[in-house]
Amino acid sequence: MKTSLLTTVLIYLFGGFAIAQPIPPDSLYFGQTPPSNIPQIFAPGIVSLPGRREAVITFSPDGATVFFHIQFYPQPGTPYIMFSTYTNNHWTTPDSIPFTIGRTAAEPFFDYNGTRLYMYATNAINHVGIADLSYSVEQGSNWSDPISMGNPPNSEAWQYHPCIVGDTSVYFSSNAGDICRSQYVNGAYQSRVILPIPVNHIGSQTWGDPYVSADESYMILKSIRPEGYGQNDLYISYKKPDSTWTNPKNLGNIINTPGDETAGDITPDGLYMTYGRNNDLYWVSTGFIDSLKYTNYRPYVKNLIPDQLATLGEQFTFTIPDSTFIDDDGNNTLTYHAKLTNGSPLPAWLTFDTIAETFTGTPAIIETLNIRVTATDTAGASASTTLKITINEPTSIDQINEQREGVRIFPNPTSGLINVSLDAFSGNTAIIEISNLMGEILLKDTFKNSITINLSDKPKGMYILKFQIDNEIIIRKVYLK
């Protein structure tokens, strides 16, 4: 059988686990027939039993000890941890671990050296919060009471689903539903860092149950996202050279279902993923880890577009910031389009240059526009966000016009009637043209000294008044409200 790079790394990390297995190969994983890329229930009748919910399972690096997490059995109540060991050429019947008595203890995880069992637990030794990320150490044939990992990484609230990586740093879910990381430096954990978008999905609190490989090259998490198949689905994200994470990819509808999937953890040999589905534990081949890395990445919204203000009758220009959309295949793959969030096209005064990603135009009426901006990649995957443009009238059109010599227009804004006085041009004859912002002439007239014009039958918005007085051209704006 061909040895994968991942398996080679794991052999190194686990001190030759694949070379000198402590139990016969046909007894690993309770002697179950390994799955292919089609998920199978894990150890039915042994681990996965009818009438209860098995949520998380973890294996020691030598494969000889198994811990798994039970919820809501035999009745709704405190979750607890069960374990089984390979002893005297057979697996012991799974039983509850003694340290679960008198506390909630759940979501176990063996560290990569097999020296500690991590979990979240209430009433941990030296506890910080309600439920701490904690660990238990082996004591002969038993395990110690959970010991808090301290603060940080813990807080005064709940923490969930610890995953210890190769340098002993920890990933976990916070009480707020965010996936966090706490770096381990010189024997102490540093302050937690909340992973940014796209790992923590904007507007979604999913308590992501992170599993991160020992070398932190990839992460499996659960999330509810628009491209999903129902409730929480399992996704995979890969670490990029700049230490950010790619947009998580859905593991597909063979692994995910319309129901709730949870806790996608990888076995120590790197060959299988275990996860919770339909109240049972399932396992499946990890071939998807390599294959999905080279499929298309969906673009995503990295930063929301800030709201914009525009002024009636004045030129408006806005370019979508480069940091708005990210495509892990390369942002040059994206094309853009825009329309109102109700599906209507942009108003006539506003244009969107899809190449320059720029809006331009002169607002014709006072209004608020909610525009959906969409970026689509070459595979047809897209992401959208909203641009809000609020159009205000100038501080005072009347005041501006009164400060100008020559022509006075009032009231402005107007409900219909406008009065025009030539003022400095009193005694002269003027030709007036009124046009809309599209340049269409709506009215043309000649007057002397003053004139009253009725615009009440015209659409609301900005209009341009052009005066020709002798050889002088004067342009004014008037707003019909």
Protein backbone atom coordinates (compact mmCIF):
# COMPACT_ATOMS: atom_id res chain seq x y z
CA MET A 1 0.00 0.00 0.00
CA LYS A 2 1.30 3.46 -0.92
CA THR A 3 2.24 5.55 2.12
CA SER A 4 0.82 9.10 2.06
CA LEU A 5 2.73 12.16 3.22
CA LEU A 6 0.21 12.58 6.03
CA THR A 7 0.83 9.03 7.25
CA THR A 8 4.60 9.61 7.11
CA VAL A 9 4.25 12.71 9.26
CA LEU A 10 2.10 10.85 11.74
CA ILE A 11 4.57 7.99 11.97
CA TYR A 12 7.19 10.54 12.93
CA LEU A 13 4.94 12.31 15.44
CA PHE A 14 3.72 9.15 17.09
CA GLY A 15 7.11 7.50 17.45
CA GLY A 16 6.51 4.77 14.89
CA PHE A 17 2.87 4.00 15.65
CA ALA A 18 2.39 2.49 12.19
CA ILE A 19 5.56 0.37 12.56
CA ALA A 20 5.15 -1.10 16.03
CA GLN A 21 1.43 -1.27 16.78
CA PRO A 22 0.63 -2.34 20.35
CA ILE A 23 -2.37 -4.34 19.18
CA PRO A 24 -2.90 -6.54 16.11
CA PRO A 25 -4.01 -4.60 13.01
CA ASP A 26 -7.24 -6.58 12.82
CA SER A 27 -8.12 -5.50 16.38
CA LEU A 28 -7.71 -1.76 15.81
CA TYR A 29 -10.91 0.25 16.14
CA PHE A 30 -12.72 -2.64 17.85
CA GLY A 31 -11.90 -4.84 14.86
CA GLN A 32 -14.30 -2.93 12.63
CA THR A 33 -14.00 -3.17 8.86
CA PRO A 34 -12.48 0.17 7.78
CA PRO A 35 -14.80 2.43 5.78
CA SER A 36 -14.26 3.75 2.26
CA ASN A 37 -15.40 7.21 1.18
CA ILE A 38 -18.96 6.15 2.11
CA PRO A 39 -19.56 6.85 5.83
CA GLN A 40 -20.40 3.90 8.06
CA ILE A 41 -21.71 3.73 11.62
CA PHE A 42 -18.74 3.19 13.92
CA ALA A 43 -18.80 0.00 16.03
CA PRO A 44 -22.58 -0.57 16.05
CA GLY A 45 -23.67 -2.46 19.14
CA ILE A 46 -20.40 -1.60 20.90
CA VAL A 47 -20.01 2.18 20.75
CA SER A 48 -23.00 3.30 18.69
CA LEU A 49 -26.11 2.06 20.42
CA PRO A 50 -29.80 2.72 19.73
CA GLY A 51 -31.55 5.18 22.00
CA ARG A 52 -28.59 7.34 22.94
CA ARG A 53 -26.39 9.97 21.34
CA GLU A 54 -22.67 9.41 20.86
CA ALA A 55 -21.06 12.70 19.88
CA VAL A 56 -17.23 12.60 20.05
CA ILE A 57 -14.66 9.79 20.06
CA THR A 58 -10.87 9.88 20.48
CA PHE A 59 -8.16 7.22 20.27
CA SER A 60 -4.78 7.07 21.97
CA PRO A 61 -1.82 7.23 19.56
CA ASP A 62 -1.07 3.53 20.12
CA GLY A 63 -4.70 2.67 19.34
CA ALA A 64 -5.18 0.74 22.59
CA THR A 65 -7.43 3.17 24.48
CA VAL A 66 -10.67 4.77 23.37
CA PHE A 67 -12.72 7.51 25.03
CA PHE A 68 -16.08 8.70 23.75
CA HIS A 69 -18.72 11.18 24.81
CA ILE A 70 -22.34 10.28 25.54
CA GLN A 71 -25.19 12.79 25.57
CA PHE A 72 -28.76 12.44 26.81
CA TYR A 73 -28.53 8.83 28.00
CA PRO A 74 -30.12 7.06 29.70
CA GLN A 75 -32.22 10.23 29.94
CA PRO A 76 -31.68 13.94 29.20
CA GLY A 77 -29.09 15.20 31.63
CA THR A 78 -25.37 15.52 32.20
CA PRO A 79 -23.06 14.39 29.36
CA TYR A 80 -20.35 11.97 30.38
CA ILE A 81 -17.34 10.10 29.00
CA MET A 82 -16.96 6.36 28.48
CA PHE A 83 -13.79 4.41 27.79
CA SER A 84 -12.50 1.05 26.66
CA THR A 85 -9.00 -0.45 26.52
CA TYR A 86 -7.41 -3.29 24.61
CA THR A 87 -6.33 -5.69 27.36
CA ASN A 88 -5.46 -9.39 27.26
CA ASN A 89 -6.10 -9.59 23.54
CA HIS A 90 -9.59 -8.12 23.67
CA TRP A 91 -11.43 -4.84 24.08
CA THR A 92 -13.07 -4.21 27.43
CA THR A 93 -16.77 -3.43 27.48
CA PRO A 94 -17.12 0.37 27.31
CA ASP A 95 -17.86 1.85 30.72
CA SER A 96 -18.09 5.34 32.21
CA ILE A 97 -14.81 6.80 33.44
CA PRO A 98 -14.87 7.46 37.22
CA PHE A 99 -13.91 11.15 36.96
CA THR A 100 -17.26 11.91 35.31
CA ILE A 101 -19.08 11.36 38.61
CA GLY A 102 -20.31 14.67 40.02
CA ARG A 103 -19.44 16.78 37.00
CA THR A 104 -20.08 17.37 33.32
CA ALA A 105 -17.17 16.01 31.31
CA ALA A 106 -17.40 15.87 27.54
CA GLU A 107 -15.70 16.05 24.13
CA PRO A 108 -12.51 14.11 24.95
CA PHE A 109 -9.33 14.54 22.89
CA PHE A 110 -6.00 12.70 23.21
CA ASP A 111 -2.97 14.90 22.74
CA TYR A 112 -0.54 13.82 20.05
CA ASN A 113 1.87 12.30 22.58
CA GLY A 114 -0.86 10.28 24.29
CA THR A 115 0.15 11.56 27.73
CA ARG A 116 -2.99 13.55 28.47
CA LEU A 117 -6.69 13.33 27.79
CA TYR A 118 -8.25 16.75 27.20
CA MET A 119 -11.94 17.66 27.54
CA TYR A 120 -14.22 20.37 28.85
CA ALA A 121 -15.35 19.80 32.41
CA THR A 122 -17.18 21.42 35.28
CA ASN A 123 -15.73 21.34 38.80
CA ALA A 124 -12.22 20.83 37.45
CA ILE A 125 -9.27 21.13 39.80
CA ASN A 126 -8.30 24.84 39.98
CA HIS A 127 -11.28 25.65 37.79
CA VAL A 128 -11.63 29.15 36.33
CA GLY A 129 -15.12 29.27 34.88
CA ILE A 130 -18.29 27.24 34.67
CA ALA A 131 -16.81 24.65 32.32
CA ASP A 132 -13.06 24.71 31.68
CA LEU A 133 -10.82 23.26 29.06
CA SER A 134 -9.17 20.63 31.22
CA TYR A 135 -6.95 17.58 31.09
CA SER A 136 -6.62 14.26 32.86
CA VAL A 137 -3.40 12.27 33.30
CA GLU A 138 -3.10 8.51 33.42
CA GLN A 139 -2.60 7.07 36.93
CA GLY A 140 -1.90 3.37 36.62
CA SER A 141 -5.10 1.78 35.38
CA ASN A 142 -7.13 4.94 36.03
CA TRP A 143 -7.16 8.63 35.10
CA SER A 144 -6.98 11.68 37.34
CA ASP A 145 -9.78 14.14 37.95
CA PRO A 146 -9.84 16.88 35.30
CA ILE A 147 -7.36 19.70 35.90
CA SER A 148 -8.14 23.13 34.47
CA MET A 149 -5.80 24.48 31.81
CA GLY A 150 -6.05 27.85 33.57
CA ASN A 151 -6.80 31.34 32.33
CA PRO A 152 -5.96 31.71 29.50
CA PRO A 153 -7.25 29.81 27.59
CA ASN A 154 -10.27 29.58 29.89
CA SER A 155 -12.63 32.38 30.85
CA GLU A 156 -15.41 32.65 33.41
CA ALA A 157 -17.92 31.13 30.99
CA TRP A 158 -18.06 27.80 29.16
CA GLN A 159 -15.44 26.54 26.70
CA TYR A 160 -15.91 23.55 24.42
CA HIS A 161 -14.15 20.97 22.24
CA PRO A 162 -10.40 21.34 22.89
CA CYS A 163 -7.98 20.29 20.17
CA ILE A 164 -4.27 20.24 21.07
CA VAL A 165 -1.87 20.67 18.15
CA GLY A 166 1.76 19.68 17.77
CA ASP A 167 3.27 22.58 19.74
CA THR A 168 0.69 22.14 22.57
CA SER A 169 -1.32 25.21 21.50
CA VAL A 170 -5.07 24.70 21.74
CA TYR A 171 -8.03 25.37 19.45
CA PHE A 172 -11.52 25.39 20.96
CA SER A 173 -15.03 26.86 20.81
CA SER A 174 -15.84 29.78 23.10
CA ASN A 175 -19.06 30.37 24.99
CA ALA A 176 -19.98 32.96 22.31
CA GLY A 177 -19.74 30.32 19.59
CA ASP A 178 -16.40 31.43 18.12
CA ILE A 179 -13.51 29.17 17.19
CA CYS A 180 -10.49 30.38 19.17
CA ARG A 181 -6.80 29.58 19.42
CA SER A 182 -4.46 29.99 22.38
CA GLN A 183 -0.73 29.80 21.69
CA TYR A 184 1.47 27.80 24.09
CA VAL A 185 4.74 29.66 24.83
CA ASN A 186 7.38 28.76 27.42
CA GLY A 187 5.04 26.64 29.49
CA ALA A 188 2.10 29.06 29.50
CA TYR A 189 -0.93 29.69 27.34
CA GLN A 190 -1.31 33.12 25.79
CA SER A 191 -4.53 35.10 25.48
CA ARG A 192 -7.11 33.54 23.22
CA VAL A 193 -7.34 34.78 19.63
CA ILE A 194 -10.72 34.61 17.89
CA LEU A 195 -10.15 33.33 14.37
CA PRO A 196 -11.41 35.86 11.82
CA ILE A 197 -13.66 35.40 8.82
CA PRO A 198 -13.91 33.06 6.94
CA VAL A 199 -13.39 30.44 9.68
CA ASN A 200 -15.77 32.20 12.04
CA HIS A 201 -18.67 32.86 9.73
CA ILE A 202 -20.18 36.33 9.92
CA GLY A 203 -23.53 36.32 11.70
CA SER A 204 -23.26 32.61 12.54
CA GLN A 205 -22.58 31.17 15.97
CA THR A 206 -22.00 27.48 15.46
CA TRP A 207 -19.61 26.34 18.22
CA GLY A 208 -17.48 24.96 15.44
CA ASP A 209 -16.00 21.83 17.13
CA PRO A 210 -12.57 22.46 15.58
CA TYR A 211 -10.22 19.65 14.75
CA VAL A 212 -6.80 20.93 13.64
CA SER A 213 -4.02 18.68 12.40
CA ALA A 214 -0.81 18.43 14.44
CA ASP A 215 1.07 20.63 11.94
CA GLU A 216 -1.92 23.02 11.65
CA SER A 217 -2.08 22.51 7.89
CA TYR A 218 -5.85 21.98 7.88
CA MET A 219 -8.89 22.35 10.09
CA ILE A 220 -12.22 20.53 10.14
CA LEU A 221 -15.13 22.44 11.63
CA LYS A 222 -18.90 22.46 11.67
CA SER A 223 -20.94 25.40 10.47
CA ILE A 224 -24.30 26.46 9.06
CA ARG A 225 -23.72 28.26 5.75
CA PRO A 226 -25.84 29.11 2.71
CA GLU A 227 -24.24 26.39 0.58
CA GLY A 228 -24.91 23.73 3.22
CA TYR A 229 -27.35 20.85 3.16
CA GLY A 230 -29.42 21.65 6.24
CA GLN A 231 -28.29 22.11 9.81
CA ASN A 232 -24.61 22.04 10.86
CA ASP A 233 -22.42 20.58 8.13
CA LEU A 234 -18.75 19.61 8.29
CA TYR A 235 -16.25 21.79 6.40
CA ILE A 236 -12.50 21.79 5.82
CA SER A 237 -10.20 24.82 5.75
CA TYR A 238 -6.50 24.89 4.84
CA LYS A 239 -3.83 27.16 6.30
CA LYS A 240 -2.29 29.50 3.74
CA PRO A 241 1.38 30.59 3.63
CA ASP A 242 0.49 33.85 5.38
CA SER A 243 -1.03 31.82 8.28
CA THR A 244 -4.60 32.82 7.41
CA TRP A 245 -7.19 30.16 6.60
CA THR A 246 -8.98 29.42 3.34
CA ASN A 247 -12.72 29.72 2.96
CA PRO A 248 -14.01 26.42 4.42
CA LYS A 249 -15.23 23.87 1.86
CA ASN A 250 -18.28 21.74 2.51
CA LEU A 251 -17.40 18.04 2.73
CA GLY A 252 -20.31 17.22 0.43
CA ASN A 253 -23.65 15.46 0.65
CA ILE A 254 -22.16 12.00 1.09
CA ILE A 255 -20.73 13.00 4.47
CA ASN A 256 -23.25 15.75 5.30
CA THR A 257 -27.03 15.36 5.49
CA PRO A 258 -30.04 17.66 6.05
CA GLY A 259 -29.57 16.84 9.74
CA ASP A 260 -26.83 17.90 12.16
CA GLU A 261 -23.23 16.76 11.72
CA THR A 262 -20.70 17.43 14.46
CA ALA A 263 -17.16 16.86 15.72
CA GLY A 264 -15.16 15.74 12.69
CA ASP A 265 -12.03 14.32 14.36
CA ILE A 266 -9.19 12.44 12.65
CA THR A 267 -7.88 9.13 13.94
CA PRO A 268 -4.18 8.97 15.01
CA ASP A 269 -3.13 7.10 11.86
CA GLY A 270 -4.67 9.87 9.73
CA LEU A 271 -6.76 7.38 7.77
CA TYR A 272 -10.28 8.04 9.03
CA MET A 273 -12.54 10.83 10.22
CA THR A 274 -15.04 10.12 12.98
CA TYR A 275 -18.04 12.37 13.47
CA GLY A 276 -21.50 12.56 14.95
CA ARG A 277 -24.53 12.09 12.70
CA ASN A 278 -28.12 11.18 13.51
CA ASN A 279 -27.19 10.52 17.16
CA ASP A 280 -24.58 7.91 16.23
CA LEU A 281 -20.85 8.00 15.56
CA TYR A 282 -19.80 7.53 11.94
CA TRP A 283 -16.43 7.13 10.31
CA VAL A 284 -15.20 7.63 6.76
CA SER A 285 -11.94 7.60 4.79
CA THR A 286 -9.92 10.84 4.93
CA GLY A 287 -9.24 10.88 1.19
CA PHE A 288 -11.19 14.13 0.98
CA ILE A 289 -8.42 15.99 2.86
CA ASP A 290 -6.10 15.91 -0.14
CA SER A 291 -8.72 15.90 -2.91
CA LEU A 292 -10.69 18.94 -1.73
CA LYS A 293 -7.56 21.04 -1.40
CA TYR A 294 -7.39 21.33 -5.19
CA THR A 295 -11.04 22.03 -5.96
CA ASN A 296 -12.53 25.50 -6.43
CA TYR A 297 -12.73 27.82 -3.42
CA ARG A 298 -15.86 29.88 -3.04
CA PRO A 299 -15.26 33.64 -2.81
CA TYR A 300 -16.36 35.23 0.45
CA VAL A 301 -16.97 38.63 1.99
CA LYS A 302 -13.99 39.56 4.13
CA ASN A 303 -15.06 43.11 5.05
CA LEU A 304 -18.47 44.74 4.83
CA ILE A 305 -18.82 47.76 2.56
CA PRO A 306 -19.15 50.93 4.64
CA ASP A 307 -22.36 52.96 4.21
CA GLN A 308 -22.03 55.87 1.81
CA LEU A 309 -23.53 59.37 1.71
CA ALA A 310 -24.34 61.20 -1.51
CA THR A 311 -25.62 64.72 -2.12
CA LEU A 312 -28.52 65.52 -4.35
CA GLY A 313 -27.41 66.93 -7.68
CA GLU A 314 -23.71 66.40 -6.99
CA GLN A 315 -21.44 63.85 -8.62
CA PHE A 316 -21.16 60.59 -6.63
CA THR A 317 -18.28 58.15 -7.08
CA PHE A 318 -17.48 55.08 -4.99
CA THR A 319 -15.14 52.15 -5.68
CA ILE A 320 -15.61 48.80 -3.94
CA PRO A 321 -12.54 48.34 -1.67
CA ASP A 322 -10.17 45.57 -2.78
CA SER A 323 -10.44 43.99 0.67
CA THR A 324 -14.21 43.42 0.39
CA PHE A 325 -14.17 40.09 -1.44
CA ILE A 326 -11.54 37.36 -1.17
CA ASP A 327 -11.13 34.40 -3.48
CA ASP A 328 -8.50 31.90 -2.33
CA ASP A 329 -8.04 30.92 -5.98
CA GLY A 330 -6.96 34.53 -6.66
CA ASN A 331 -9.04 37.71 -6.73
CA ASN A 332 -8.37 38.20 -10.45
CA THR A 333 -10.89 35.39 -11.05
CA LEU A 334 -13.80 37.54 -9.86
CA THR A 335 -16.37 39.42 -11.90
CA TYR A 336 -18.82 41.85 -10.33
CA HIS A 337 -22.38 42.98 -10.79
CA ALA A 338 -24.84 45.06 -8.78
CA LYS A 339 -28.58 45.50 -8.43
CA LEU A 340 -30.98 46.64 -5.76
CA THR A 341 -31.62 44.16 -2.96
CA ASN A 342 -35.24 43.82 -4.10
CA GLY A 343 -33.98 42.53 -7.45
CA SER A 344 -34.62 45.74 -9.40
CA PRO A 345 -31.92 47.31 -11.58
CA LEU A 346 -29.98 50.33 -10.40
CA PRO A 347 -31.76 53.69 -10.80
CA ALA A 348 -31.16 55.48 -14.09
CA TRP A 349 -28.81 58.04 -12.56
CA LEU A 350 -26.40 55.42 -11.15
CA THR A 351 -24.04 53.25 -13.18
CA PHE A 352 -21.70 50.48 -12.06
CA ASP A 353 -18.46 49.80 -13.91
CA THR A 354 -17.96 46.04 -13.45
CA ILE A 355 -14.29 46.24 -14.42
CA ALA A 356 -13.29 49.20 -12.26
CA GLU A 357 -15.81 48.09 -9.59
CA THR A 358 -16.94 51.71 -9.34
CA PHE A 359 -20.34 53.38 -8.94
CA THR A 360 -20.82 56.82 -10.53
CA GLY A 361 -23.71 59.18 -11.12
CA THR A 362 -25.51 62.31 -10.03
CA PRO A 363 -28.41 61.60 -7.63
CA ALA A 364 -31.73 62.84 -9.01
CA ILE A 365 -33.93 62.39 -5.92
CA ILE A 366 -33.56 62.07 -2.19
CA GLU A 367 -33.70 58.37 -1.36
CA THR A 368 -31.86 55.51 0.33
CA LEU A 369 -30.55 52.75 -1.91
CA ASN A 370 -29.71 49.24 -0.71
CA ILE A 371 -27.58 47.64 -3.38
CA ARG A 372 -26.51 44.01 -3.51
CA VAL A 373 -22.97 43.71 -4.83
CA THR A 374 -22.02 40.22 -6.01
CA ALA A 375 -18.61 38.79 -6.88
CA THR A 376 -18.61 35.61 -8.97
CA ASP A 377 -15.63 33.38 -9.74
CA THR A 378 -14.88 31.48 -12.93
CA ALA A 379 -16.59 28.35 -11.55
CA GLY A 380 -19.84 30.25 -10.98
CA ALA A 381 -19.54 30.41 -7.18
CA SER A 382 -20.42 33.80 -5.74
CA ALA A 383 -20.58 35.92 -2.62
CA SER A 384 -22.70 39.01 -1.99
CA THR A 385 -22.85 41.93 0.38
CA THR A 386 -24.88 45.14 0.62
CA LEU A 387 -23.92 48.72 -0.14
CA LYS A 388 -26.18 51.36 1.41
CA ILE A 389 -26.22 54.81 -0.22
CA THR A 390 -28.13 57.58 1.55
CA ILE A 391 -28.84 60.63 -0.62
CA ASN A 392 -29.28 63.93 1.18
CA GLU A 393 -30.22 67.35 -0.11
CA PRO A 394 -27.54 70.04 -0.02
CA THR A 395 -27.20 71.98 3.20
CA SER A 396 -29.30 74.81 1.74
CA ILE A 397 -29.87 75.28 -1.97
CA ASP A 398 -31.63 78.60 -1.30
CA GLN A 399 -28.66 79.91 0.65
CA ILE A 400 -26.22 78.87 -2.04
CA ASN A 401 -28.25 80.49 -4.79
CA GLU A 402 -28.78 83.69 -2.85
CA GLN A 403 -25.03 84.08 -2.48
CA ARG A 404 -24.62 84.01 -6.23
CA GLU A 405 -25.04 87.17 -8.23
CA GLY A 406 -27.63 87.25 -10.96
CA VAL A 407 -30.50 84.76 -10.69
CA ARG A 408 -32.55 83.91 -7.60
CA ILE A 409 -34.80 80.80 -7.43
CA PHE A 410 -37.24 80.24 -4.57
CA PRO A 411 -38.48 78.19 -2.84
CA ASN A 412 -35.81 75.60 -3.40
CA PRO A 413 -36.48 72.74 -2.69
CA THR A 414 -40.04 73.20 -3.93
CA SER A 415 -43.28 71.25 -3.87
CA GLY A 416 -44.16 72.40 -7.37
CA LEU A 417 -44.09 76.16 -7.95
CA ILE A 418 -40.81 78.00 -8.33
CA ASN A 419 -40.25 81.73 -8.65
CA VAL A 420 -37.35 82.98 -10.70
CA SER A 421 -36.07 86.54 -10.35
CA LEU A 422 -33.33 87.95 -12.52
CA ASP A 423 -32.25 90.39 -9.79
CA ALA A 424 -28.92 91.76 -11.09
CA PHE A 425 -30.22 91.27 -14.63
CA SER A 426 -33.44 93.21 -14.00
CA GLY A 427 -34.74 94.73 -17.24
CA ASN A 428 -33.09 92.08 -19.39
CA THR A 429 -34.82 89.32 -21.33
CA ALA A 430 -33.85 85.76 -20.49
CA ILE A 431 -34.33 82.43 -22.21
CA ILE A 432 -34.88 79.56 -19.70
CA GLU A 433 -34.54 75.84 -20.36
CA ILE A 434 -35.45 73.24 -17.73
CA SER A 435 -34.09 69.73 -18.18
CA ASN A 436 -33.79 66.57 -16.12
CA LEU A 437 -30.49 64.92 -15.22
CA MET A 438 -30.69 62.83 -18.37
CA GLY A 439 -30.41 65.99 -20.43
CA GLU A 440 -33.99 65.90 -21.72
CA ILE A 441 -35.43 69.45 -22.12
CA LEU A 442 -38.81 69.60 -20.38
CA LEU A 443 -39.61 73.29 -20.73
CA LYS A 444 -38.32 76.29 -22.67
CA ASP A 445 -39.60 79.85 -22.24
CA THR A 446 -38.66 83.51 -22.52
CA PHE A 447 -39.29 86.06 -19.77
CA LYS A 448 -38.25 89.46 -18.46
CA ASN A 449 -37.42 90.27 -14.83
CA SER A 450 -39.26 87.28 -13.26
CA ILE A 451 -41.33 84.20 -13.95
CA THR A 452 -43.31 81.55 -11.99
CA ILE A 453 -43.06 77.94 -13.21
CA ASN A 454 -45.19 74.98 -12.14
CA LEU A 455 -43.29 71.67 -11.92
CA SER A 456 -45.88 69.79 -9.90
CA ASP A 457 -46.64 67.42 -12.80
CA LYS A 458 -43.00 66.37 -13.04
CA PRO A 459 -41.33 63.47 -11.18
CA LYS A 460 -39.64 64.32 -7.94
CA GLY A 461 -35.94 64.92 -8.19
CA MET A 462 -33.27 67.31 -9.32
CA TYR A 463 -33.68 69.56 -12.38
CA ILE A 464 -31.23 71.78 -14.22
CA LEU A 465 -32.20 75.38 -15.10
CA LYS A 466 -30.24 77.00 -17.89
CA PHE A 467 -30.53 80.76 -18.41
CA GLN A 468 -29.29 82.67 -21.44
CA ILE A 469 -29.17 86.40 -20.71
CA ASP A 470 -27.64 88.39 -23.54
CA ASN A 471 -24.35 86.53 -24.15
CA GLU A 472 -24.11 85.02 -20.66
CA ILE A 473 -25.08 81.45 -19.69
CA ILE A 474 -26.09 80.74 -16.08
CA ILE A 475 -26.79 77.23 -14.72
CA ARG A 476 -28.81 76.58 -11.57
CA LYS A 477 -30.31 73.49 -9.89
CA VAL A 478 -33.71 73.09 -8.33
CA TYR A 479 -35.04 70.18 -6.34
CA LEU A 480 -38.68 69.06 -6.62
CA LYS A 481 -39.66 67.27 -3.43
